[in-house]
Amino acid sequence: MWTGVLCGLLAGAMWGMVFIVPELLPAFSPVELAVGRYIAYGAIATGLMLPRLRGLLGRLDRSDCGALVRHALAGNIVYYMLLALGVKLAGVAPTSLIIGLLPITVTLLGRKDHGAIPLSQLALPLLVVAAGIACINIDVFLHARASGAPPGATLLGVLCAFGALLCWSWYALDNARFLKRNAHFSSAEWSALYGMASGLIALVIGALAFAIWHGDVTGAAGTASGRNWTVFWITNALLALGASVIGNHLWNIASRRVPVTLSGQLILFETLFALLYGFVYHRQFPRVMEMAAIVLLVAGVVWAVRMHAVQPLAEQTATHA
């Protein structure tokens, strides 16, 4: 189990980078950011699997293809569009910490899965996590009011963040259940197929967007407005390699090794790393309420991990007795 926990932590460190990219590339729309990232992901995944691509594709059946399409949309493209729009309108901290509700939503939705701890035993760790999320949201909206940010834009950003939360909650559960039921692909193979499916769908979306908004995304006006396409593709290639190729592979390993209720808690590492990267990027220290939120979130995750580690030991003791 501890290997799964470590892989979940490292995946969170990779995924935390996705919250910073919309601020690094402010001149590009959420659609462009999602299309760029996942075209790069698809290209890298295809290159990595090229020597055995024919055999890999030959093992796909209809259910595999259906899973790849729905996971690519919910877990990658639509999720990242909503996340990027949330960051642009509401900021890194509120978006990352609304998505930080994932431990609660995934745990509640996966409460009947095999290996899940009863919610009555997880109630206190979840309350600690909820308290941390409450702290950060109080801080965010108080700070937004003090800074005079447009309430409509902030509200839309918050709604987008909740939409991303719903997308990823469903994806996390469906992906974990699929991987546990289907062992005919390794974690690396499934991650590569997932990347190729995401890349193909991103190409279709990108082609449609280019046909509709051709005049707005090319030419001298684009360069003059800060739309540096070289920086765009380099940034998205690095993000695709780190957050998508490496991060998703680590998460697939974690999903196979830990119960769904625990995987829900491990997703919180993405939030913590996103906050860390945001503080470093903005060159500021967390405010008091932000620091309280971080402490509470870490405490809740560690508590939940320990409870999942203790349960198998208790079961083994009862069996031997």
Protein backbone atom coordinates (compact mmCIF):
# COMPACT_ATOMS: atom_id res chain seq x y z
CA MET A 1 0.00 0.00 0.00
CA TRP A 2 2.80 2.43 0.84
CA THR A 3 4.13 2.26 -2.72
CA GLY A 4 0.70 3.40 -3.87
CA VAL A 5 0.73 6.26 -1.36
CA LEU A 6 4.17 7.41 -2.55
CA CYS A 7 3.08 7.25 -6.20
CA GLY A 8 -0.03 9.27 -5.33
CA LEU A 9 2.11 11.93 -3.63
CA LEU A 10 4.48 12.19 -6.60
CA ALA A 11 1.54 12.35 -9.02
CA GLY A 12 0.16 15.25 -6.97
CA ALA A 13 3.50 17.04 -7.24
CA MET A 14 3.33 16.71 -11.03
CA TRP A 15 -0.33 17.68 -11.30
CA GLY A 16 0.12 20.78 -9.17
CA MET A 17 1.92 22.38 -12.11
CA VAL A 18 -1.28 22.59 -14.16
CA PHE A 19 -2.62 25.41 -11.98
CA ILE A 20 0.34 27.67 -12.81
CA VAL A 21 0.34 27.30 -16.60
CA PRO A 22 -2.79 29.46 -17.18
CA GLU A 23 -0.99 32.30 -15.39
CA LEU A 24 2.22 31.70 -17.35
CA LEU A 25 0.23 31.91 -20.61
CA PRO A 26 -2.46 34.55 -19.87
CA ALA A 27 -2.94 35.52 -23.55
CA PHE A 28 -4.26 32.07 -24.48
CA SER A 29 -7.81 30.82 -23.94
CA PRO A 30 -8.69 27.74 -21.85
CA VAL A 31 -9.60 25.90 -25.06
CA GLU A 32 -6.16 26.64 -26.56
CA LEU A 33 -4.41 25.61 -23.35
CA ALA A 34 -6.28 22.29 -23.20
CA VAL A 35 -5.79 21.55 -26.90
CA GLY A 36 -2.07 22.40 -26.76
CA ARG A 37 -1.42 20.31 -23.65
CA TYR A 38 -3.21 17.21 -24.90
CA ILE A 39 -1.89 17.32 -28.45
CA ALA A 40 1.58 17.37 -26.87
CA TYR A 41 0.55 14.53 -24.50
CA GLY A 42 -0.74 12.44 -27.40
CA ALA A 43 2.41 13.01 -29.44
CA ILE A 44 4.72 12.05 -26.55
CA ALA A 45 2.64 8.99 -25.64
CA THR A 46 2.59 7.82 -29.27
CA GLY A 47 6.36 8.26 -29.56
CA LEU A 48 7.01 6.29 -26.37
CA MET A 49 4.81 3.38 -27.45
CA LEU A 50 5.74 3.42 -31.16
CA PRO A 51 7.82 0.19 -31.14
CA ARG A 52 4.86 -1.83 -29.83
CA LEU A 53 2.00 0.36 -30.97
CA ARG A 54 0.46 -2.14 -33.41
CA GLY A 55 0.25 -4.91 -30.84
CA LEU A 56 -1.07 -2.53 -28.20
CA LEU A 57 -3.88 -1.23 -30.42
CA GLY A 58 -4.72 -4.80 -31.43
CA ARG A 59 -5.54 -5.66 -27.81
CA LEU A 60 -8.17 -2.94 -27.51
CA ASP A 61 -11.80 -4.02 -27.40
CA ARG A 62 -14.99 -1.95 -27.51
CA SER A 63 -15.19 -1.46 -23.75
CA ASP A 64 -11.56 -0.28 -23.66
CA CYS A 65 -12.24 2.30 -26.38
CA GLY A 66 -15.33 3.54 -24.57
CA ALA A 67 -13.37 3.95 -21.35
CA LEU A 68 -10.57 5.82 -23.14
CA VAL A 69 -12.98 8.30 -24.75
CA ARG A 70 -14.94 9.06 -21.59
CA HIS A 71 -11.78 9.31 -19.47
CA ALA A 72 -10.02 11.55 -22.01
CA LEU A 73 -12.98 13.94 -22.00
CA ALA A 74 -13.88 13.98 -18.31
CA GLY A 75 -10.42 13.50 -16.80
CA ASN A 76 -8.39 15.54 -19.27
CA ILE A 77 -9.87 17.91 -21.82
CA VAL A 78 -13.12 19.19 -20.27
CA TYR A 79 -11.58 19.12 -16.79
CA TYR A 80 -8.58 21.21 -17.86
CA MET A 81 -10.67 23.72 -19.78
CA LEU A 82 -12.77 24.36 -16.67
CA LEU A 83 -9.69 24.44 -14.44
CA ALA A 84 -7.90 26.96 -16.69
CA LEU A 85 -10.96 29.22 -16.84
CA GLY A 86 -11.31 28.98 -13.07
CA VAL A 87 -7.67 30.03 -12.58
CA LYS A 88 -8.04 32.96 -14.99
CA LEU A 89 -11.22 34.28 -13.36
CA ALA A 90 -10.85 33.36 -9.69
CA GLY A 91 -7.13 32.69 -9.22
CA VAL A 92 -4.91 29.74 -8.33
CA ALA A 93 -5.81 29.43 -4.65
CA PRO A 94 -9.63 29.28 -4.89
CA THR A 95 -9.57 27.01 -7.94
CA SER A 96 -7.06 24.57 -6.45
CA LEU A 97 -8.87 24.41 -3.13
CA ILE A 98 -12.34 23.98 -4.58
CA ILE A 99 -10.89 21.09 -6.54
CA GLY A 100 -9.39 20.12 -3.18
CA LEU A 101 -12.88 18.91 -2.26
CA LEU A 102 -12.01 15.79 -4.28
CA PRO A 103 -11.09 13.76 -1.17
CA ILE A 104 -14.62 14.27 0.14
CA THR A 105 -16.48 13.72 -3.14
CA VAL A 106 -14.45 10.67 -4.18
CA THR A 107 -14.69 9.12 -0.71
CA LEU A 108 -18.46 9.60 -0.60
CA LEU A 109 -18.97 8.24 -4.11
CA GLY A 110 -16.64 5.26 -3.52
CA ARG A 111 -17.91 4.32 -0.07
CA LYS A 112 -19.29 0.94 -1.29
CA ASP A 113 -16.17 -0.18 -3.17
CA HIS A 114 -14.08 -3.16 -2.01
CA GLY A 115 -11.52 -2.24 0.64
CA ALA A 116 -13.23 1.01 1.57
CA ILE A 117 -13.30 1.98 5.21
CA PRO A 118 -16.80 2.74 6.60
CA LEU A 119 -17.61 6.44 6.54
CA SER A 120 -18.25 6.36 10.28
CA GLN A 121 -14.53 5.65 10.80
CA LEU A 122 -13.47 8.32 8.30
CA ALA A 123 -15.79 10.99 9.69
CA LEU A 124 -13.17 12.77 11.80
CA PRO A 125 -10.42 12.91 9.11
CA LEU A 126 -13.01 14.18 6.62
CA LEU A 127 -14.15 16.84 9.06
CA VAL A 128 -10.54 17.98 9.43
CA VAL A 129 -10.22 18.18 5.61
CA ALA A 130 -13.54 20.07 5.41
CA ALA A 131 -12.33 22.54 8.03
CA GLY A 132 -9.20 23.19 6.00
CA ILE A 133 -11.20 23.80 2.84
CA ALA A 134 -13.55 26.12 4.75
CA CYS A 135 -10.55 28.16 5.96
CA ILE A 136 -9.15 28.71 2.49
CA ASN A 137 -12.52 29.64 0.99
CA ILE A 138 -13.20 32.18 3.73
CA ASP A 139 -9.78 33.70 3.07
CA VAL A 140 -10.28 33.73 -0.71
CA PHE A 141 -13.59 35.56 -0.71
CA LEU A 142 -12.53 38.05 1.97
CA HIS A 143 -9.39 38.80 -0.05
CA ALA A 144 -11.37 39.11 -3.30
CA ARG A 145 -13.74 41.63 -1.71
CA ALA A 146 -10.83 43.67 -0.33
CA SER A 147 -9.08 43.73 -3.73
CA GLY A 148 -12.23 44.91 -5.55
CA ALA A 149 -12.31 41.96 -7.98
CA PRO A 150 -15.51 41.83 -10.12
CA PRO A 151 -17.95 39.56 -8.26
CA GLY A 152 -19.42 38.17 -11.48
CA ALA A 153 -16.04 37.03 -12.80
CA THR A 154 -15.07 35.53 -9.45
CA LEU A 155 -18.39 33.68 -9.23
CA LEU A 156 -18.00 32.30 -12.77
CA GLY A 157 -14.48 31.16 -11.92
CA VAL A 158 -15.76 29.40 -8.80
CA LEU A 159 -18.51 27.68 -10.81
CA CYS A 160 -15.92 26.51 -13.36
CA ALA A 161 -13.80 25.12 -10.53
CA PHE A 162 -16.81 23.20 -9.21
CA GLY A 163 -17.43 21.88 -12.73
CA ALA A 164 -13.83 20.66 -12.85
CA LEU A 165 -14.36 19.06 -9.45
CA LEU A 166 -17.38 17.11 -10.72
CA CYS A 167 -15.51 15.98 -13.85
CA TRP A 168 -12.51 14.68 -11.96
CA SER A 169 -14.54 13.07 -9.16
CA TRP A 170 -16.35 10.93 -11.72
CA TYR A 171 -13.15 10.20 -13.66
CA ALA A 172 -11.18 9.16 -10.54
CA LEU A 173 -13.81 6.62 -9.56
CA ASP A 174 -14.44 5.24 -13.03
CA ASN A 175 -10.73 4.97 -13.84
CA ALA A 176 -9.88 3.22 -10.55
CA ARG A 177 -12.72 0.73 -10.99
CA PHE A 178 -11.79 0.06 -14.61
CA LEU A 179 -8.12 -0.57 -13.80
CA LYS A 180 -9.01 -2.96 -10.99
CA ARG A 181 -11.36 -4.93 -13.28
CA ASN A 182 -9.02 -4.97 -16.31
CA ALA A 183 -5.48 -6.18 -15.78
CA HIS A 184 -4.68 -6.83 -19.46
CA PHE A 185 -2.91 -3.44 -19.76
CA SER A 186 -0.06 -2.31 -17.54
CA SER A 187 -0.23 1.11 -15.90
CA ALA A 188 2.27 2.48 -18.45
CA GLU A 189 0.33 1.02 -21.39
CA TRP A 190 -3.00 2.38 -20.19
CA SER A 191 -1.47 5.81 -19.56
CA ALA A 192 -0.07 5.83 -23.10
CA LEU A 193 -3.42 4.80 -24.62
CA TYR A 194 -5.11 7.44 -22.50
CA GLY A 195 -2.69 10.03 -23.85
CA MET A 196 -3.20 9.01 -27.46
CA ALA A 197 -7.01 9.15 -27.06
CA SER A 198 -6.72 12.60 -25.47
CA GLY A 199 -4.46 13.77 -28.28
CA LEU A 200 -6.84 12.59 -31.00
CA ILE A 201 -9.83 14.29 -29.36
CA ALA A 202 -7.77 17.46 -28.82
CA LEU A 203 -6.82 17.48 -32.51
CA VAL A 204 -10.50 17.38 -33.48
CA ILE A 205 -11.39 20.18 -31.05
CA GLY A 206 -8.36 22.19 -32.18
CA ALA A 207 -9.29 21.82 -35.85
CA LEU A 208 -12.84 23.02 -35.15
CA ALA A 209 -11.59 25.95 -33.07
CA PHE A 210 -9.06 26.91 -35.77
CA ALA A 211 -11.76 26.83 -38.45
CA ILE A 212 -14.04 29.06 -36.37
CA TRP A 213 -11.50 31.52 -34.93
CA HIS A 214 -8.75 31.39 -37.57
CA GLY A 215 -8.29 35.15 -37.64
CA ASP A 216 -7.87 35.43 -33.89
CA VAL A 217 -5.24 32.81 -33.27
CA THR A 218 -2.63 33.50 -35.94
CA GLY A 219 -0.72 36.35 -37.51
CA ALA A 220 1.03 39.52 -36.35
CA ALA A 221 -1.82 40.59 -34.07
CA GLY A 222 -1.41 37.40 -32.09
CA THR A 223 2.30 38.03 -31.57
CA ALA A 224 1.72 41.67 -30.67
CA SER A 225 -0.81 40.72 -27.97
CA GLY A 226 1.72 38.48 -26.22
CA ARG A 227 0.66 35.22 -27.88
CA ASN A 228 4.11 33.69 -28.19
CA TRP A 229 3.51 30.31 -29.82
CA THR A 230 7.06 29.08 -29.23
CA VAL A 231 6.67 29.58 -25.48
CA PHE A 232 3.17 28.10 -25.71
CA TRP A 233 4.34 24.82 -27.24
CA ILE A 234 7.45 24.49 -25.05
CA THR A 235 5.39 25.06 -21.89
CA ASN A 236 2.69 22.62 -22.95
CA ALA A 237 5.23 19.98 -23.98
CA LEU A 238 6.86 20.18 -20.54
CA LEU A 239 3.45 20.09 -18.86
CA ALA A 240 2.40 17.11 -20.97
CA LEU A 241 5.57 15.21 -20.08
CA GLY A 242 5.47 15.96 -16.37
CA ALA A 243 1.80 16.19 -15.42
CA SER A 244 0.30 13.91 -18.07
CA VAL A 245 2.83 11.22 -19.02
CA ILE A 246 4.67 10.83 -15.70
CA GLY A 247 1.86 12.01 -13.40
CA ASN A 248 -0.83 9.79 -14.93
CA HIS A 249 1.47 6.75 -14.91
CA LEU A 250 2.16 7.28 -11.21
CA TRP A 251 -1.55 7.74 -10.53
CA ASN A 252 -2.45 4.51 -12.37
CA ILE A 253 0.01 2.64 -10.13
CA ALA A 254 -1.55 4.26 -7.04
CA SER A 255 -5.10 3.48 -8.23
CA ARG A 256 -4.29 -0.23 -8.44
CA ARG A 257 -2.61 -0.40 -5.03
CA VAL A 258 -4.90 1.55 -2.70
CA PRO A 259 -8.65 1.51 -1.93
CA VAL A 260 -10.82 4.13 -3.65
CA THR A 261 -11.48 5.90 -0.34
CA LEU A 262 -7.73 6.34 0.20
CA SER A 263 -7.09 7.42 -3.40
CA GLY A 264 -9.60 10.19 -2.75
CA GLN A 265 -7.42 11.45 0.09
CA LEU A 266 -4.23 11.23 -1.99
CA ILE A 267 -5.68 13.55 -4.64
CA LEU A 268 -5.29 16.32 -2.06
CA PHE A 269 -1.53 16.33 -2.67
CA GLU A 270 -2.30 17.99 -6.02
CA THR A 271 -3.95 20.85 -4.13
CA LEU A 272 -1.07 21.24 -1.69
CA PHE A 273 1.56 21.33 -4.44
CA ALA A 274 -0.57 23.76 -6.48
CA LEU A 275 -0.64 26.09 -3.48
CA LEU A 276 3.12 25.76 -3.00
CA TYR A 277 3.85 26.53 -6.65
CA GLY A 278 1.40 29.45 -6.55
CA PHE A 279 3.09 31.00 -3.51
CA VAL A 280 6.51 30.61 -5.12
CA TYR A 281 5.29 32.06 -8.45
CA HIS A 282 3.71 35.10 -6.77
CA ARG A 283 6.66 35.44 -4.35
CA GLN A 284 4.48 35.63 -1.30
CA PHE A 285 3.99 33.72 1.92
CA PRO A 286 0.62 32.18 2.76
CA ARG A 287 -1.73 34.28 4.87
CA VAL A 288 -2.82 33.04 8.30
CA MET A 289 -6.01 31.39 7.06
CA GLU A 290 -4.16 29.81 4.14
CA MET A 291 -1.56 28.38 6.50
CA ALA A 292 -4.30 27.02 8.77
CA ALA A 293 -5.93 25.38 5.74
CA ILE A 294 -2.68 23.71 4.67
CA VAL A 295 -2.05 22.33 8.17
CA LEU A 296 -5.60 20.97 8.44
CA LEU A 297 -5.50 19.40 4.97
CA VAL A 298 -2.18 17.65 5.62
CA ALA A 299 -3.41 16.42 9.02
CA GLY A 300 -6.59 15.01 7.48
CA VAL A 301 -4.73 13.15 4.73
CA VAL A 302 -2.12 11.68 7.10
CA TRP A 303 -4.88 10.58 9.47
CA ALA A 304 -6.79 8.85 6.66
CA VAL A 305 -3.62 7.11 5.41
CA ARG A 306 -2.86 5.76 8.88
CA MET A 307 -6.43 4.45 9.24
CA HIS A 308 -6.13 2.57 5.95
CA ALA A 309 -2.78 1.13 7.05
CA VAL A 310 -4.13 -0.01 10.43
CA GLN A 311 -7.23 -1.74 9.04
CA PRO A 312 -5.37 -4.51 7.09
CA LEU A 313 -3.25 -5.22 10.18
CA ALA A 314 -6.37 -5.53 12.31
CA GLU A 315 -7.95 -7.88 9.74
CA GLN A 316 -4.81 -10.04 9.64
CA THR A 317 -4.74 -10.26 13.46
CA ALA A 318 -8.40 -11.29 13.55
CA THR A 319 -7.77 -13.94 10.86
CA HIS A 320 -4.83 -15.49 12.74
CA ALA A 321 -6.74 -15.42 16.01
